[in-house]
PDB file of N, CA and C in Angstrom:
ATOM      1  N   MET A   1     -42.429  60.005  90.179  1.00  0.00           N
ATOM      2  CA  MET A   1     -43.536  59.126  89.688  1.00  0.00           C
ATOM      3  C   MET A   1     -43.136  57.763  89.771  1.00  0.00           C
ATOM      4  N   ILE A   2     -44.011  57.118  90.599  1.00  0.00           N
ATOM      5  CA  ILE A   2     -43.871  55.704  90.612  1.00  0.00           C
ATOM      6  C   ILE A   2     -44.181  54.918  89.613  1.00  0.00           C
ATOM      7  N   ARG A   3     -43.590  54.058  88.962  1.00  0.00           N
ATOM      8  CA  ARG A   3     -44.156  53.284  88.012  1.00  0.00           C
ATOM      9  C   ARG A   3     -45.241  52.009  88.418  1.00  0.00           C
ATOM     10  N   SER A   4     -45.869  51.646  87.645  1.00  0.00           N
ATOM     11  CA  SER A   4     -46.961  50.617  88.134  1.00  0.00           C
ATOM     12  C   SER A   4     -46.370  49.398  88.544  1.00  0.00           C
ATOM     13  N   LEU A   5     -46.633  48.657  89.598  1.00  0.00           N
ATOM     14  CA  LEU A   5     -45.998  47.662  90.245  1.00  0.00           C
ATOM     15  C   LEU A   5     -47.156  46.465  89.997  1.00  0.00           C
ATOM     16  N   THR A   6     -48.134  46.793  89.201  1.00  0.00           N
ATOM     17  CA  THR A   6     -49.425  45.916  89.179  1.00  0.00           C
ATOM     18  C   THR A   6     -48.843  44.438  88.867  1.00  0.00           C
ATOM     19  N   GLY A   7     -49.183  43.330  89.589  1.00  0.00           N
ATOM     20  CA  GLY A   7     -48.715  42.137  89.163  1.00  0.00           C
ATOM     21  C   GLY A   7     -47.488  41.689  89.757  1.00  0.00           C
ATOM     22  N   LYS A   8     -46.828  42.391  90.570  1.00  0.00           N
ATOM     23  CA  LYS A   8     -45.578  42.110  91.030  1.00  0.00           C
ATOM     24  C   LYS A   8     -45.576  41.985  92.446  1.00  0.00           C
ATOM     25  N   VAL A   9     -44.873  40.768  92.926  1.00  0.00           N
ATOM     26  CA  VAL A   9     -44.854  40.291  94.378  1.00  0.00           C
ATOM     27  C   VAL A   9     -43.559  41.100  94.947  1.00  0.00           C
ATOM     28  N   ALA A  10     -43.641  41.894  95.896  1.00  0.00           N
ATOM     29  CA  ALA A  10     -42.623  42.579  96.658  1.00  0.00           C
ATOM     30  C   ALA A  10     -42.555  41.837  98.131  1.00  0.00           C
ATOM     31  N   LEU A  11     -41.352  41.908  98.552  1.00  0.00           N
ATOM     32  CA  LEU A  11     -40.894  41.399 100.064  1.00  0.00           C
ATOM     33  C   LEU A  11     -40.162  42.480 100.623  1.00  0.00           C
ATOM     34  N   VAL A  12     -40.670  43.016 101.935  1.00  0.00           N
ATOM     35  CA  VAL A  12     -39.993  44.213 102.473  1.00  0.00           C
ATOM     36  C   VAL A  12     -39.467  43.718 103.845  1.00  0.00           C
ATOM     37  N   THR A  13     -38.136  43.488 104.046  1.00  0.00           N
ATOM     38  CA  THR A  13     -37.992  43.183 105.364  1.00  0.00           C
ATOM     39  C   THR A  13     -38.065  44.314 106.112  1.00  0.00           C
ATOM     40  N   GLY A  14     -37.927  44.178 107.487  1.00  0.00           N
ATOM     41  CA  GLY A  14     -38.146  45.085 108.517  1.00  0.00           C
ATOM     42  C   GLY A  14     -39.212  46.197 108.349  1.00  0.00           C
ATOM     43  N   ALA A  15     -40.512  45.649 108.036  1.00  0.00           N
ATOM     44  CA  ALA A  15     -41.398  46.627 107.341  1.00  0.00           C
ATOM     45  C   ALA A  15     -42.608  46.810 108.372  1.00  0.00           C
ATOM     46  N   ALA A  16     -42.098  46.498 109.719  1.00  0.00           N
ATOM     47  CA  ALA A  16     -43.392  46.834 110.677  1.00  0.00           C
ATOM     48  C   ALA A  16     -43.468  48.132 111.296  1.00  0.00           C
ATOM     49  N   LYS A  17     -42.535  49.140 110.871  1.00  0.00           N
ATOM     50  CA  LYS A  17     -42.505  50.545 111.122  1.00  0.00           C
ATOM     51  C   LYS A  17     -41.581  51.327 110.442  1.00  0.00           C
ATOM     52  N   GLY A  18     -41.490  52.463 110.550  1.00  0.00           N
ATOM     53  CA  GLY A  18     -40.434  53.527 109.946  1.00  0.00           C
ATOM     54  C   GLY A  18     -40.324  53.298 108.284  1.00  0.00           C
ATOM     55  N   ILE A  19     -39.096  53.112 107.915  1.00  0.00           N
ATOM     56  CA  ILE A  19     -38.883  53.426 106.487  1.00  0.00           C
ATOM     57  C   ILE A  19     -39.499  52.306 105.790  1.00  0.00           C
ATOM     58  N   GLY A  20     -39.365  51.090 106.402  1.00  0.00           N
ATOM     59  CA  GLY A  20     -39.728  49.689 105.867  1.00  0.00           C
ATOM     60  C   GLY A  20     -41.395  49.796 105.643  1.00  0.00           C
ATOM     61  N   ALA A  21     -42.175  50.263 106.608  1.00  0.00           N
ATOM     62  CA  ALA A  21     -43.420  50.306 106.488  1.00  0.00           C
ATOM     63  C   ALA A  21     -43.913  51.521 105.401  1.00  0.00           C
ATOM     64  N   GLY A  22     -43.147  52.392 105.323  1.00  0.00           N
ATOM     65  CA  GLY A  22     -43.420  53.297 104.213  1.00  0.00           C
ATOM     66  C   GLY A  22     -43.082  52.810 102.964  1.00  0.00           C
ATOM     67  N   ILE A  23     -42.125  51.954 102.712  1.00  0.00           N
ATOM     68  CA  ILE A  23     -41.767  51.484 101.559  1.00  0.00           C
ATOM     69  C   ILE A  23     -43.021  50.365 101.107  1.00  0.00           C
ATOM     70  N   ALA A  24     -43.448  49.516 102.095  1.00  0.00           N
ATOM     71  CA  ALA A  24     -44.326  48.647 101.964  1.00  0.00           C
ATOM     72  C   ALA A  24     -45.553  49.209 101.352  1.00  0.00           C
ATOM     73  N   LYS A  25     -45.981  50.274 102.005  1.00  0.00           N
ATOM     74  CA  LYS A  25     -47.302  51.246 101.706  1.00  0.00           C
ATOM     75  C   LYS A  25     -47.211  51.665 100.481  1.00  0.00           C
ATOM     76  N   ALA A  26     -45.992  52.181  99.982  1.00  0.00           N
ATOM     77  CA  ALA A  26     -45.738  52.723  98.723  1.00  0.00           C
ATOM     78  C   ALA A  26     -45.758  51.664  97.869  1.00  0.00           C
ATOM     79  N   MET A  27     -45.254  50.604  97.927  1.00  0.00           N
ATOM     80  CA  MET A  27     -45.185  49.530  96.860  1.00  0.00           C
ATOM     81  C   MET A  27     -46.723  48.839  96.663  1.00  0.00           C
ATOM     82  N   ALA A  28     -47.369  48.900  97.651  1.00  0.00           N
ATOM     83  CA  ALA A  28     -48.691  48.307  97.513  1.00  0.00           C
ATOM     84  C   ALA A  28     -49.602  49.545  96.927  1.00  0.00           C
ATOM     85  N   ALA A  29     -49.373  50.605  97.072  1.00  0.00           N
ATOM     86  CA  ALA A  29     -50.100  51.775  96.399  1.00  0.00           C
ATOM     87  C   ALA A  29     -49.833  51.768  95.056  1.00  0.00           C
ATOM     88  N   ALA A  30     -48.620  51.409  94.463  1.00  0.00           N
ATOM     89  CA  ALA A  30     -48.342  51.334  93.128  1.00  0.00           C
ATOM     90  C   ALA A  30     -48.633  50.012  92.622  1.00  0.00           C
ATOM     91  N   GLY A  31     -49.541  49.102  93.285  1.00  0.00           N
ATOM     92  CA  GLY A  31     -49.977  47.884  92.696  1.00  0.00           C
ATOM     93  C   GLY A  31     -49.332  46.471  93.039  1.00  0.00           C
ATOM     94  N   ALA A  32     -48.474  46.538  93.757  1.00  0.00           N
ATOM     95  CA  ALA A  32     -47.694  45.292  94.049  1.00  0.00           C
ATOM     96  C   ALA A  32     -48.325  44.687  95.467  1.00  0.00           C
ATOM     97  N   SER A  33     -48.326  43.365  95.402  1.00  0.00           N
ATOM     98  CA  SER A  33     -48.893  42.391  96.323  1.00  0.00           C
ATOM     99  C   SER A  33     -47.594  42.366  97.237  1.00  0.00           C
ATOM    100  N   VAL A  34     -47.663  42.710  98.762  1.00  0.00           N
ATOM    101  CA  VAL A  34     -46.706  43.133  99.529  1.00  0.00           C
ATOM    102  C   VAL A  34     -46.578  42.095 100.686  1.00  0.00           C
ATOM    103  N   VAL A  35     -45.480  41.246 101.215  1.00  0.00           N
ATOM    104  CA  VAL A  35     -45.246  40.797 102.233  1.00  0.00           C
ATOM    105  C   VAL A  35     -44.312  41.641 103.189  1.00  0.00           C
ATOM    106  N   VAL A  36     -44.870  41.935 104.332  1.00  0.00           N
ATOM    107  CA  VAL A  36     -44.677  42.566 105.338  1.00  0.00           C
ATOM    108  C   VAL A  36     -43.647  41.898 106.437  1.00  0.00           C
ATOM    109  N   ASN A  37     -42.510  41.710 106.446  1.00  0.00           N
ATOM    110  CA  ASN A  37     -41.615  40.905 107.136  1.00  0.00           C
ATOM    111  C   ASN A  37     -41.237  41.718 108.506  1.00  0.00           C
ATOM    112  N   PHE A  38     -41.384  41.039 109.650  1.00  0.00           N
ATOM    113  CA  PHE A  38     -41.074  41.705 111.016  1.00  0.00           C
ATOM    114  C   PHE A  38     -40.139  40.564 111.657  1.00  0.00           C
ATOM    115  N   ALA A  39     -39.407  41.119 112.662  1.00  0.00           N
ATOM    116  CA  ALA A  39     -38.812  40.224 113.495  1.00  0.00           C
ATOM    117  C   ALA A  39     -39.566  40.025 114.770  1.00  0.00           C
ATOM    118  N   SER A  40     -40.114  41.145 115.240  1.00  0.00           N
ATOM    119  CA  SER A  40     -40.534  41.009 116.501  1.00  0.00           C
ATOM    120  C   SER A  40     -41.899  41.794 116.914  1.00  0.00           C
ATOM    121  N   ASP A  41     -42.317  42.803 115.992  1.00  0.00           N
ATOM    122  CA  ASP A  41     -43.274  43.874 116.151  1.00  0.00           C
ATOM    123  C   ASP A  41     -44.522  43.524 115.468  1.00  0.00           C
ATOM    124  N   ARG A  42     -45.035  42.285 115.858  1.00  0.00           N
ATOM    125  CA  ARG A  42     -46.312  41.732 115.194  1.00  0.00           C
ATOM    126  C   ARG A  42     -47.419  42.770 114.932  1.00  0.00           C
ATOM    127  N   PRO A  43     -47.824  43.466 116.157  1.00  0.00           N
ATOM    128  CA  PRO A  43     -48.674  44.642 115.972  1.00  0.00           C
ATOM    129  C   PRO A  43     -48.415  45.581 114.959  1.00  0.00           C
ATOM    130  N   GLY A  44     -47.267  46.021 114.977  1.00  0.00           N
ATOM    131  CA  GLY A  44     -46.972  46.981 114.037  1.00  0.00           C
ATOM    132  C   GLY A  44     -47.016  46.609 112.586  1.00  0.00           C
ATOM    133  N   ALA A  45     -46.561  45.183 112.284  1.00  0.00           N
ATOM    134  CA  ALA A  45     -46.770  44.416 111.008  1.00  0.00           C
ATOM    135  C   ALA A  45     -48.281  44.609 110.685  1.00  0.00           C
ATOM    136  N   GLU A  46     -49.054  44.073 111.592  1.00  0.00           N
ATOM    137  CA  GLU A  46     -50.508  43.893 111.269  1.00  0.00           C
ATOM    138  C   GLU A  46     -51.021  45.311 110.901  1.00  0.00           C
ATOM    139  N   ARG A  47     -50.507  46.317 111.655  1.00  0.00           N
ATOM    140  CA  ARG A  47     -51.062  47.573 111.366  1.00  0.00           C
ATOM    141  C   ARG A  47     -50.742  48.170 109.818  1.00  0.00           C
ATOM    142  N   VAL A  48     -49.436  47.787 109.451  1.00  0.00           N
ATOM    143  CA  VAL A  48     -49.159  48.058 108.128  1.00  0.00           C
ATOM    144  C   VAL A  48     -50.009  47.226 106.945  1.00  0.00           C
ATOM    145  N   VAL A  49     -50.374  46.090 107.471  1.00  0.00           N
ATOM    146  CA  VAL A  49     -51.077  45.201 106.555  1.00  0.00           C
ATOM    147  C   VAL A  49     -52.397  45.722 106.425  1.00  0.00           C
ATOM    148  N   ALA A  50     -53.097  46.177 107.594  1.00  0.00           N
ATOM    149  CA  ALA A  50     -54.436  46.597 107.618  1.00  0.00           C
ATOM    150  C   ALA A  50     -54.439  48.010 106.951  1.00  0.00           C
ATOM    151  N   ASP A  51     -53.503  48.831 106.951  1.00  0.00           N
ATOM    152  CA  ASP A  51     -53.279  50.059 106.148  1.00  0.00           C
ATOM    153  C   ASP A  51     -53.542  49.770 104.503  1.00  0.00           C
ATOM    154  N   ILE A  52     -52.463  48.787 104.421  1.00  0.00           N
ATOM    155  CA  ILE A  52     -52.405  48.461 102.798  1.00  0.00           C
ATOM    156  C   ILE A  52     -53.971  48.047 102.272  1.00  0.00           C
ATOM    157  N   GLU A  53     -54.400  47.044 103.389  1.00  0.00           N
ATOM    158  CA  GLU A  53     -55.689  46.494 102.760  1.00  0.00           C
ATOM    159  C   GLU A  53     -57.052  47.472 102.619  1.00  0.00           C
ATOM    160  N   ALA A  54     -56.677  48.592 103.783  1.00  0.00           N
ATOM    161  CA  ALA A  54     -57.982  49.594 103.718  1.00  0.00           C
ATOM    162  C   ALA A  54     -57.840  50.538 102.635  1.00  0.00           C
ATOM    163  N   ALA A  55     -56.593  50.818 102.060  1.00  0.00           N
ATOM    164  CA  ALA A  55     -56.339  51.198 100.858  1.00  0.00           C
ATOM    165  C   ALA A  55     -56.647  50.518  99.650  1.00  0.00           C
ATOM    166  N   GLY A  56     -56.983  49.225  99.731  1.00  0.00           N
ATOM    167  CA  GLY A  56     -57.429  48.509  98.559  1.00  0.00           C
ATOM    168  C   GLY A  56     -56.282  47.688  97.908  1.00  0.00           C
ATOM    169  N   GLY A  57     -55.102  47.366  98.936  1.00  0.00           N
ATOM    170  CA  GLY A  57     -54.032  46.658  98.493  1.00  0.00           C
ATOM    171  C   GLY A  57     -54.218  45.272  98.936  1.00  0.00           C
ATOM    172  N   ASN A  58     -53.023  44.429  98.601  1.00  0.00           N
ATOM    173  CA  ASN A  58     -52.861  43.100  98.994  1.00  0.00           C
ATOM    174  C   ASN A  58     -51.588  43.088  99.873  1.00  0.00           C
ATOM    175  N   ALA A  59     -51.582  42.415 101.120  1.00  0.00           N
ATOM    176  CA  ALA A  59     -50.453  42.283 101.814  1.00  0.00           C
ATOM    177  C   ALA A  59     -50.685  41.308 102.876  1.00  0.00           C
ATOM    178  N   PHE A  60     -49.685  40.768 103.568  1.00  0.00           N
ATOM    179  CA  PHE A  60     -49.698  39.721 104.616  1.00  0.00           C
ATOM    180  C   PHE A  60     -48.216  39.925 105.352  1.00  0.00           C
ATOM    181  N   ALA A  61     -48.338  39.598 106.659  1.00  0.00           N
ATOM    182  CA  ALA A  61     -47.155  39.705 107.359  1.00  0.00           C
ATOM    183  C   ALA A  61     -46.579  38.326 108.063  1.00  0.00           C
ATOM    184  N   VAL A  62     -45.144  38.231 107.755  1.00  0.00           N
ATOM    185  CA  VAL A  62     -44.590  37.143 108.192  1.00  0.00           C
ATOM    186  C   VAL A  62     -43.491  37.482 109.081  1.00  0.00           C
ATOM    187  N   ARG A  63     -43.507  36.508 110.249  1.00  0.00           N
ATOM    188  CA  ARG A  63     -42.367  36.862 111.441  1.00  0.00           C
ATOM    189  C   ARG A  63     -41.445  35.799 110.857  1.00  0.00           C
ATOM    190  N   ALA A  64     -40.205  36.515 110.657  1.00  0.00           N
ATOM    191  CA  ALA A  64     -38.819  35.770 110.286  1.00  0.00           C
ATOM    192  C   ALA A  64     -37.534  36.659 110.560  1.00  0.00           C
ATOM    193  N   ASN A  65     -36.826  36.000 111.357  1.00  0.00           N
ATOM    194  CA  ASN A  65     -35.479  36.568 111.596  1.00  0.00           C
ATOM    195  C   ASN A  65     -34.574  36.534 110.244  1.00  0.00           C
ATOM    196  N   VAL A  66     -34.115  37.545 109.595  1.00  0.00           N
ATOM    197  CA  VAL A  66     -33.366  37.419 108.364  1.00  0.00           C
ATOM    198  C   VAL A  66     -31.896  36.975 108.485  1.00  0.00           C
ATOM    199  N   SER A  67     -31.561  36.742 109.759  1.00  0.00           N
ATOM    200  CA  SER A  67     -30.148  36.280 109.943  1.00  0.00           C
ATOM    201  C   SER A  67     -30.128  34.796 110.128  1.00  0.00           C
ATOM    202  N   VAL A  68     -31.478  34.308 110.093  1.00  0.00           N
ATOM    203  CA  VAL A  68     -31.413  32.751 110.157  1.00  0.00           C
ATOM    204  C   VAL A  68     -31.997  32.218 108.746  1.00  0.00           C
ATOM    205  N   VAL A  69     -31.013  31.318 108.467  1.00  0.00           N
ATOM    206  CA  VAL A  69     -31.395  30.708 106.954  1.00  0.00           C
ATOM    207  C   VAL A  69     -32.633  30.032 106.825  1.00  0.00           C
ATOM    208  N   ALA A  70     -32.889  29.179 107.899  1.00  0.00           N
ATOM    209  CA  ALA A  70     -34.167  28.426 107.774  1.00  0.00           C
ATOM    210  C   ALA A  70     -35.398  29.283 107.901  1.00  0.00           C
ATOM    211  N   GLU A  71     -35.393  30.393 108.661  1.00  0.00           N
ATOM    212  CA  GLU A  71     -36.516  31.236 108.531  1.00  0.00           C
ATOM    213  C   GLU A  71     -36.449  32.137 107.460  1.00  0.00           C
ATOM    214  N   VAL A  72     -35.689  32.254 106.747  1.00  0.00           N
ATOM    215  CA  VAL A  72     -35.657  33.276 105.358  1.00  0.00           C
ATOM    216  C   VAL A  72     -36.173  32.204 104.376  1.00  0.00           C
ATOM    217  N   GLN A  73     -35.749  30.778 104.347  1.00  0.00           N
ATOM    218  CA  GLN A  73     -36.353  29.794 103.683  1.00  0.00           C
ATOM    219  C   GLN A  73     -37.924  29.739 103.605  1.00  0.00           C
ATOM    220  N   ARG A  74     -38.477  29.769 104.812  1.00  0.00           N
ATOM    221  CA  ARG A  74     -39.884  29.702 105.363  1.00  0.00           C
ATOM    222  C   ARG A  74     -40.611  30.996 104.715  1.00  0.00           C
ATOM    223  N   LEU A  75     -39.775  32.062 105.058  1.00  0.00           N
ATOM    224  CA  LEU A  75     -40.529  33.431 104.557  1.00  0.00           C
ATOM    225  C   LEU A  75     -40.655  33.340 103.119  1.00  0.00           C
ATOM    226  N   LEU A  76     -39.711  32.839 102.256  1.00  0.00           N
ATOM    227  CA  LEU A  76     -39.728  32.987 100.934  1.00  0.00           C
ATOM    228  C   LEU A  76     -40.830  31.817 100.404  1.00  0.00           C
ATOM    229  N   ALA A  77     -41.094  30.546 101.435  1.00  0.00           N
ATOM    230  CA  ALA A  77     -41.970  29.576 100.764  1.00  0.00           C
ATOM    231  C   ALA A  77     -43.374  30.123 101.151  1.00  0.00           C
ATOM    232  N   GLU A  78     -43.537  30.966 102.146  1.00  0.00           N
ATOM    233  CA  GLU A  78     -44.807  31.531 102.471  1.00  0.00           C
ATOM    234  C   GLU A  78     -45.258  32.557 101.404  1.00  0.00           C
ATOM    235  N   THR A  79     -44.246  33.376 100.947  1.00  0.00           N
ATOM    236  CA  THR A  79     -44.568  34.396  99.782  1.00  0.00           C
ATOM    237  C   THR A  79     -45.049  33.649  98.785  1.00  0.00           C
ATOM    238  N   VAL A  80     -44.151  32.622  98.233  1.00  0.00           N
ATOM    239  CA  VAL A  80     -44.448  31.905  96.889  1.00  0.00           C
ATOM    240  C   VAL A  80     -45.836  31.263  97.084  1.00  0.00           C
ATOM    241  N   THR A  81     -46.133  30.575  98.306  1.00  0.00           N
ATOM    242  CA  THR A  81     -47.554  29.931  98.510  1.00  0.00           C
ATOM    243  C   THR A  81     -48.542  31.061  98.287  1.00  0.00           C
ATOM    244  N   THR A  82     -48.447  32.140  99.047  1.00  0.00           N
ATOM    245  CA  THR A  82     -49.490  33.022  98.954  1.00  0.00           C
ATOM    246  C   THR A  82     -49.596  34.009  97.706  1.00  0.00           C
ATOM    247  N   PHE A  83     -48.458  34.396  97.278  1.00  0.00           N
ATOM    248  CA  PHE A  83     -48.762  35.306  96.140  1.00  0.00           C
ATOM    249  C   PHE A  83     -48.013  35.120  94.899  1.00  0.00           C
ATOM    250  N   GLY A  84     -47.202  34.046  94.853  1.00  0.00           N
ATOM    251  CA  GLY A  84     -46.519  33.624  93.760  1.00  0.00           C
ATOM    252  C   GLY A  84     -45.097  34.033  93.768  1.00  0.00           C
ATOM    253  N   PRO A  85     -44.174  33.911  92.790  1.00  0.00           N
ATOM    254  CA  PRO A  85     -42.938  34.158  92.736  1.00  0.00           C
ATOM    255  C   PRO A  85     -42.552  35.646  93.037  1.00  0.00           C
ATOM    256  N   LEU A  86     -41.559  35.776  93.773  1.00  0.00           N
ATOM    257  CA  LEU A  86     -40.976  37.196  94.245  1.00  0.00           C
ATOM    258  C   LEU A  86     -40.379  37.799  93.221  1.00  0.00           C
ATOM    259  N   ASP A  87     -40.745  39.184  92.876  1.00  0.00           N
ATOM    260  CA  ASP A  87     -40.218  39.864  92.043  1.00  0.00           C
ATOM    261  C   ASP A  87     -39.213  41.065  92.469  1.00  0.00           C
ATOM    262  N   ILE A  88     -39.658  41.601  93.601  1.00  0.00           N
ATOM    263  CA  ILE A  88     -38.980  42.746  94.207  1.00  0.00           C
ATOM    264  C   ILE A  88     -38.539  42.233  95.639  1.00  0.00           C
ATOM    265  N   LEU A  89     -37.223  42.445  96.255  1.00  0.00           N
ATOM    266  CA  LEU A  89     -36.906  42.485  97.637  1.00  0.00           C
ATOM    267  C   LEU A  89     -36.287  43.657  98.016  1.00  0.00           C
ATOM    268  N   VAL A  90     -36.919  44.319  99.094  1.00  0.00           N
ATOM    269  CA  VAL A  90     -36.308  45.451  99.539  1.00  0.00           C
ATOM    270  C   VAL A  90     -35.623  45.041 100.953  1.00  0.00           C
ATOM    271  N   ASN A  91     -34.340  45.093 101.018  1.00  0.00           N
ATOM    272  CA  ASN A  91     -33.599  44.416 102.233  1.00  0.00           C
ATOM    273  C   ASN A  91     -33.587  45.440 103.283  1.00  0.00           C
ATOM    274  N   ASN A  92     -34.576  45.880 104.076  1.00  0.00           N
ATOM    275  CA  ASN A  92     -34.628  47.155 104.891  1.00  0.00           C
ATOM    276  C   ASN A  92     -34.295  46.948 106.516  1.00  0.00           C
ATOM    277  N   ALA A  93     -34.182  45.432 106.688  1.00  0.00           N
ATOM    278  CA  ALA A  93     -34.121  45.002 108.090  1.00  0.00           C
ATOM    279  C   ALA A  93     -32.738  45.487 108.338  1.00  0.00           C
ATOM    280  N   SER A  94     -32.486  46.007 109.664  1.00  0.00           N
ATOM    281  CA  SER A  94     -31.063  46.387 110.203  1.00  0.00           C
ATOM    282  C   SER A  94     -31.154  46.447 111.541  1.00  0.00           C
ATOM    283  N   VAL A  95     -29.850  46.335 112.138  1.00  0.00           N
ATOM    284  CA  VAL A  95     -29.642  46.671 113.681  1.00  0.00           C
ATOM    285  C   VAL A  95     -28.264  47.277 113.527  1.00  0.00           C
ATOM    286  N   PHE A  96     -27.838  48.106 114.842  1.00  0.00           N
ATOM    287  CA  PHE A  96     -26.751  48.772 114.762  1.00  0.00           C
ATOM    288  C   PHE A  96     -26.236  48.852 116.267  1.00  0.00           C
ATOM    289  N   ALA A  97     -25.095  48.969 116.632  1.00  0.00           N
ATOM    290  CA  ALA A  97     -24.730  49.062 118.071  1.00  0.00           C
ATOM    291  C   ALA A  97     -24.442  50.643 118.314  1.00  0.00           C
ATOM    292  N   PHE A  98     -24.870  51.152 119.504  1.00  0.00           N
ATOM    293  CA  PHE A  98     -24.424  52.423 119.716  1.00  0.00           C
ATOM    294  C   PHE A  98     -23.322  52.776 120.725  1.00  0.00           C
ATOM    295  N   ALA A  99     -22.365  52.066 119.966  1.00  0.00           N
ATOM    296  CA  ALA A  99     -20.975  52.040 120.703  1.00  0.00           C
ATOM    297  C   ALA A  99     -20.031  52.489 119.640  1.00  0.00           C
ATOM    298  N   SER A 100     -18.624  52.857 120.149  1.00  0.00           N
ATOM    299  CA  SER A 100     -17.715  53.113 119.334  1.00  0.00           C
ATOM    300  C   SER A 100     -17.161  51.484 118.888  1.00  0.00           C
ATOM    301  N   LEU A 101     -16.320  51.511 117.862  1.00  0.00           N
ATOM    302  CA  LEU A 101     -15.791  50.401 117.252  1.00  0.00           C
ATOM    303  C   LEU A 101     -14.990  49.557 118.207  1.00  0.00           C
ATOM    304  N   GLU A 102     -14.313  50.404 118.932  1.00  0.00           N
ATOM    305  CA  GLU A 102     -13.584  49.873 120.255  1.00  0.00           C
ATOM    306  C   GLU A 102     -14.468  49.098 121.109  1.00  0.00           C
ATOM    307  N   GLN A 103     -15.620  49.649 121.243  1.00  0.00           N
ATOM    308  CA  GLN A 103     -16.585  48.910 122.410  1.00  0.00           C
ATOM    309  C   GLN A 103     -17.472  47.825 121.880  1.00  0.00           C
ATOM    310  N   THR A 104     -17.585  47.680 120.551  1.00  0.00           N
ATOM    311  CA  THR A 104     -18.536  46.754 119.867  1.00  0.00           C
ATOM    312  C   THR A 104     -17.794  45.361 120.074  1.00  0.00           C
ATOM    313  N   THR A 105     -18.622  44.505 120.402  1.00  0.00           N
ATOM    314  CA  THR A 105     -18.187  43.142 120.558  1.00  0.00           C
ATOM    315  C   THR A 105     -18.129  42.371 119.318  1.00  0.00           C
ATOM    316  N   ASP A 106     -17.395  41.368 119.223  1.00  0.00           N
ATOM    317  CA  ASP A 106     -17.539  40.396 118.257  1.00  0.00           C
ATOM    318  C   ASP A 106     -18.925  39.856 117.905  1.00  0.00           C
ATOM    319  N   GLU A 107     -19.443  39.580 119.077  1.00  0.00           N
ATOM    320  CA  GLU A 107     -21.130  39.032 118.816  1.00  0.00           C
ATOM    321  C   GLU A 107     -21.901  40.254 118.248  1.00  0.00           C
ATOM    322  N   GLN A 108     -21.743  41.329 118.497  1.00  0.00           N
ATOM    323  CA  GLN A 108     -22.669  42.547 118.221  1.00  0.00           C
ATOM    324  C   GLN A 108     -22.258  42.722 116.607  1.00  0.00           C
ATOM    325  N   LEU A 109     -20.975  42.905 116.267  1.00  0.00           N
ATOM    326  CA  LEU A 109     -20.609  42.886 115.034  1.00  0.00           C
ATOM    327  C   LEU A 109     -21.225  41.720 114.032  1.00  0.00           C
ATOM    328  N   ARG A 110     -21.271  40.544 114.395  1.00  0.00           N
ATOM    329  CA  ARG A 110     -21.778  39.445 113.635  1.00  0.00           C
ATOM    330  C   ARG A 110     -23.079  39.582 113.633  1.00  0.00           C
ATOM    331  N   ARG A 111     -23.986  40.108 114.470  1.00  0.00           N
ATOM    332  CA  ARG A 111     -25.344  40.160 114.551  1.00  0.00           C
ATOM    333  C   ARG A 111     -25.628  41.185 113.329  1.00  0.00           C
ATOM    334  N   MET A 112     -24.982  42.476 113.580  1.00  0.00           N
ATOM    335  CA  MET A 112     -24.934  43.526 112.618  1.00  0.00           C
ATOM    336  C   MET A 112     -24.917  42.943 111.030  1.00  0.00           C
ATOM    337  N   LEU A 113     -23.850  42.082 110.921  1.00  0.00           N
ATOM    338  CA  LEU A 113     -23.683  41.572 109.599  1.00  0.00           C
ATOM    339  C   LEU A 113     -24.619  40.630 109.068  1.00  0.00           C
ATOM    340  N   ASP A 114     -25.018  39.848 109.816  1.00  0.00           N
ATOM    341  CA  ASP A 114     -25.867  38.674 109.561  1.00  0.00           C
ATOM    342  C   ASP A 114     -27.224  39.358 109.223  1.00  0.00           C
ATOM    343  N   ILE A 115     -27.964  40.494 109.924  1.00  0.00           N
ATOM    344  CA  ILE A 115     -28.959  41.148 109.638  1.00  0.00           C
ATOM    345  C   ILE A 115     -29.120  42.018 108.646  1.00  0.00           C
ATOM    346  N   ASN A 116     -27.882  42.872 108.518  1.00  0.00           N
ATOM    347  CA  ASN A 116     -27.754  44.020 107.779  1.00  0.00           C
ATOM    348  C   ASN A 116     -27.756  43.553 106.157  1.00  0.00           C
ATOM    349  N   LEU A 117     -26.587  42.583 106.274  1.00  0.00           N
ATOM    350  CA  LEU A 117     -26.453  42.186 104.919  1.00  0.00           C
ATOM    351  C   LEU A 117     -26.958  40.824 104.272  1.00  0.00           C
TER     352      LEU A 117
END
């Protein structure tokens, strides 16, 4: 059973598809106003927003790379301007290398840490 999130503001990173999209839709269904973050899949994010709005919820999409501090600051500023202070953060954005540890470069590892954490 999901508790009511009415009046809450939620930000879901990596919400253009998959688990993030499902989380965003569930939070909206529970009453939260939802910020759908995406890095590159604008059409996917817009579909998630449209689905939420069609079900009577409130949502908007914001492109931001969560590994870049300035973009995260803009993402948060747009959230506060549109919906008010943030109540819930779901850090869903992630990347990973399809390689063994020995084959993973320092650059790939840094990118994974920057985005995933």
